[in-house]
Amino acid sequence: MKKLSVICMTILAITLLASCRGPQGPAGHDGNANVASSTITIYPNNWEWVNDCQWMVEIDYPAITDNVYNHGAVLVYMDVEGTWSQVPLTYYYQDLITNDDGTQEVINCEASIEVATLSDGGVRLFWTESDFYDGMRPDTHDFKIVAIEANVYRDRSDVDFSSYEAVKKAFQLADD
């Protein structure tokens, strides 16, 4: 009889505990926990002159784990006139310069932007002017970093990773 009481009490306790749930919250946003995406604004004073030929900025990004670094993907895009363009890229722009005689003129410029992924959770961006001129730091620019875990990246060969819009759609990324 004692055994039956213990069994009944155990079943009653399990039933009561299982039914003790609070109110269910609203459904969360669709997305992918294995993909991180952030927009980062880089200002002129963030760049430092390195290697006697280019500007460099280092961005900490903890979502770049060992798994992402070794087997996944780190994608970087730069906002070019409202469109996210994948880095590395050649960036064409115009700049206003002042000549020695005080006159100003618009010149066509070209810069190469490259990225290096850091194993300890970050990226380095390099900005090299085509003429290696170091007189002006790059202007303010927005960059988007996307870190994709290996298991997700490996299974999505159908995605055009050069297009941020395709990546955004495939992984249900929210604009930040």
Protein backbone atom coordinates (compact mmCIF):
# COMPACT_ATOMS: atom_id res chain seq x y z
CA MET A 1 0.00 0.00 0.00
CA LYS A 2 2.86 2.32 0.83
CA LYS A 3 4.30 1.71 -2.64
CA LEU A 4 1.00 2.59 -4.29
CA SER A 5 0.80 5.85 -2.32
CA VAL A 6 4.31 6.86 -3.37
CA ILE A 7 3.54 6.07 -7.02
CA CYS A 8 0.26 8.02 -6.93
CA MET A 9 1.92 11.01 -5.23
CA THR A 10 4.72 10.96 -7.82
CA ILE A 11 2.25 10.89 -10.74
CA LEU A 12 0.21 13.70 -9.15
CA ALA A 13 3.33 15.84 -8.60
CA ILE A 14 4.51 15.34 -12.19
CA THR A 15 1.06 16.21 -13.54
CA LEU A 16 0.87 19.39 -11.45
CA LEU A 17 4.37 20.52 -12.37
CA ALA A 18 3.83 19.88 -16.07
CA SER A 19 0.65 21.95 -16.09
CA CYS A 20 2.20 24.93 -14.25
CA ARG A 21 3.08 27.15 -17.16
CA GLY A 22 2.85 30.89 -17.32
CA PRO A 23 1.10 32.71 -20.12
CA GLN A 24 2.71 32.18 -23.52
CA GLY A 25 4.31 35.29 -24.98
CA PRO A 26 3.88 36.50 -28.52
CA ALA A 27 5.60 34.57 -31.27
CA GLY A 28 9.18 35.70 -31.89
CA HIS A 29 10.52 37.00 -35.18
CA ASP A 30 11.54 34.47 -37.75
CA GLY A 31 15.25 34.36 -38.17
CA ASN A 32 18.33 32.27 -37.82
CA ALA A 33 20.22 31.98 -34.56
CA ASN A 34 23.27 30.74 -36.46
CA VAL A 35 23.69 33.94 -38.49
CA ALA A 36 24.68 37.30 -37.00
CA SER A 37 24.49 40.58 -38.88
CA SER A 38 25.33 44.14 -37.84
CA THR A 39 25.82 47.50 -39.50
CA ILE A 40 28.85 49.43 -38.31
CA THR A 41 29.62 53.05 -39.15
CA ILE A 42 33.29 53.84 -39.63
CA TYR A 43 34.22 57.50 -39.24
CA PRO A 44 37.31 59.21 -40.68
CA ASN A 45 39.09 59.28 -37.31
CA ASN A 46 38.66 55.47 -36.95
CA TRP A 47 41.11 54.81 -39.79
CA GLU A 48 44.85 54.62 -39.12
CA TRP A 49 47.64 54.93 -41.69
CA VAL A 50 49.60 51.64 -42.00
CA ASN A 51 52.24 50.08 -44.23
CA ASP A 52 53.06 53.52 -45.70
CA CYS A 53 50.38 52.96 -48.32
CA GLN A 54 46.89 52.32 -46.89
CA TRP A 55 44.34 53.06 -44.22
CA MET A 56 43.23 50.32 -41.83
CA VAL A 57 40.49 49.91 -39.23
CA GLU A 58 39.96 46.94 -36.93
CA ILE A 59 36.43 46.02 -35.88
CA ASP A 60 35.73 43.65 -32.97
CA TYR A 61 32.92 41.26 -33.84
CA PRO A 62 32.40 38.49 -31.23
CA ALA A 63 29.99 36.57 -33.50
CA ILE A 64 33.09 35.41 -35.41
CA THR A 65 33.67 32.27 -33.38
CA ASP A 66 36.22 29.52 -34.07
CA ASN A 67 33.48 27.61 -35.91
CA VAL A 68 32.69 30.60 -38.15
CA TYR A 69 36.36 31.44 -38.71
CA ASN A 70 37.46 27.90 -39.54
CA HIS A 71 34.44 26.50 -41.38
CA GLY A 72 31.73 29.13 -41.80
CA ALA A 73 31.67 32.47 -43.57
CA VAL A 74 32.33 36.10 -42.73
CA LEU A 75 30.83 38.46 -45.29
CA VAL A 76 31.41 42.21 -45.37
CA TYR A 77 29.42 44.68 -47.44
CA MET A 78 29.90 48.44 -47.88
CA ASP A 79 27.05 50.88 -48.46
CA VAL A 80 27.73 52.46 -51.85
CA GLU A 81 25.06 55.04 -52.62
CA GLY A 82 22.31 53.02 -50.92
CA THR A 83 23.36 49.59 -52.22
CA TRP A 84 25.29 47.03 -50.19
CA SER A 85 28.35 45.99 -52.25
CA GLN A 86 30.47 43.04 -51.16
CA VAL A 87 34.03 43.71 -50.00
CA PRO A 88 36.59 43.38 -51.49
CA LEU A 89 35.59 46.01 -53.98
CA THR A 90 36.92 48.85 -56.04
CA TYR A 91 35.18 52.04 -55.00
CA TYR A 92 34.91 54.96 -57.42
CA TYR A 93 34.08 58.39 -56.06
CA GLN A 94 34.71 62.09 -56.58
CA ASP A 95 36.62 64.37 -54.25
CA LEU A 96 37.00 68.14 -54.09
CA ILE A 97 40.61 69.30 -53.81
CA THR A 98 42.13 72.71 -53.38
CA ASN A 99 45.04 73.50 -55.70
CA ASP A 100 48.15 75.45 -54.67
CA ASP A 101 46.67 78.59 -56.25
CA GLY A 102 43.50 78.30 -54.10
CA THR A 103 41.22 77.09 -56.88
CA GLN A 104 39.16 73.99 -56.30
CA GLU A 105 38.47 71.13 -58.64
CA VAL A 106 36.61 67.86 -58.56
CA ILE A 107 38.78 64.83 -59.19
CA ASN A 108 37.79 61.24 -59.89
CA CYS A 109 39.15 58.83 -57.30
CA GLU A 110 39.48 55.09 -56.98
CA ALA A 111 40.07 53.07 -53.84
CA SER A 112 40.42 49.38 -53.19
CA ILE A 113 38.70 48.12 -50.05
CA GLU A 114 39.77 44.73 -48.73
CA VAL A 115 38.92 42.69 -45.65
CA ALA A 116 40.83 40.26 -43.45
CA THR A 117 39.02 38.08 -40.92
CA LEU A 118 40.67 37.81 -37.52
CA SER A 119 40.69 34.48 -35.69
CA ASP A 120 39.95 36.16 -32.36
CA GLY A 121 36.59 37.62 -33.44
CA GLY A 122 36.87 40.60 -35.71
CA VAL A 123 37.77 41.97 -39.10
CA ARG A 124 40.31 44.40 -40.48
CA LEU A 125 39.34 46.65 -43.35
CA PHE A 126 42.02 48.09 -45.61
CA TRP A 127 41.45 51.17 -47.79
CA THR A 128 44.06 51.80 -50.49
CA GLU A 129 43.85 54.74 -52.87
CA SER A 130 44.89 53.89 -56.44
CA ASP A 131 47.63 56.52 -56.26
CA PHE A 132 48.61 55.54 -52.67
CA TYR A 133 47.97 59.15 -51.63
CA ASP A 134 47.79 59.43 -47.86
CA GLY A 135 46.58 63.00 -47.52
CA MET A 136 42.95 62.28 -46.71
CA ARG A 137 41.37 59.72 -44.46
CA PRO A 138 38.38 57.89 -45.96
CA ASP A 139 35.02 59.56 -45.36
CA THR A 140 32.30 58.12 -43.12
CA HIS A 141 31.03 54.80 -44.48
CA ASP A 142 28.65 52.08 -43.31
CA PHE A 143 29.76 48.45 -43.41
CA LYS A 144 27.62 45.40 -42.78
CA ILE A 145 29.24 42.29 -41.29
CA VAL A 146 27.51 38.90 -41.55
CA ALA A 147 28.88 35.87 -39.66
CA ILE A 148 27.44 32.49 -40.67
CA GLU A 149 27.98 29.30 -38.66
CA ALA A 150 29.52 26.38 -40.55
CA ASN A 151 26.50 24.05 -40.49
CA VAL A 152 24.27 26.75 -41.99
CA TYR A 153 26.80 28.00 -44.55
CA ARG A 154 27.58 24.49 -45.75
CA ASP A 155 23.89 23.75 -46.43
CA ARG A 156 23.12 26.91 -48.42
CA SER A 157 24.97 26.66 -51.72
CA ASP A 158 21.80 28.06 -53.33
CA VAL A 159 22.48 31.56 -51.92
CA ASP A 160 24.29 34.27 -53.90
CA PHE A 161 26.58 35.41 -51.08
CA SER A 162 27.84 38.35 -53.16
CA SER A 163 24.39 39.93 -52.82
CA TYR A 164 23.45 41.20 -49.37
CA GLU A 165 19.78 41.24 -50.40
CA ALA A 166 19.97 37.50 -51.24
CA VAL A 167 21.72 36.76 -47.93
CA LYS A 168 19.19 38.87 -46.04
CA LYS A 169 16.28 36.99 -47.64
CA ALA A 170 17.82 33.51 -47.28
CA PHE A 171 18.61 33.95 -43.59
CA GLN A 172 15.67 36.22 -42.68
CA LEU A 173 17.93 39.00 -41.41
CA ALA A 174 16.39 42.13 -39.98
CA ASP A 175 17.75 45.53 -40.95
CA ASP A 176 19.52 47.12 -38.01
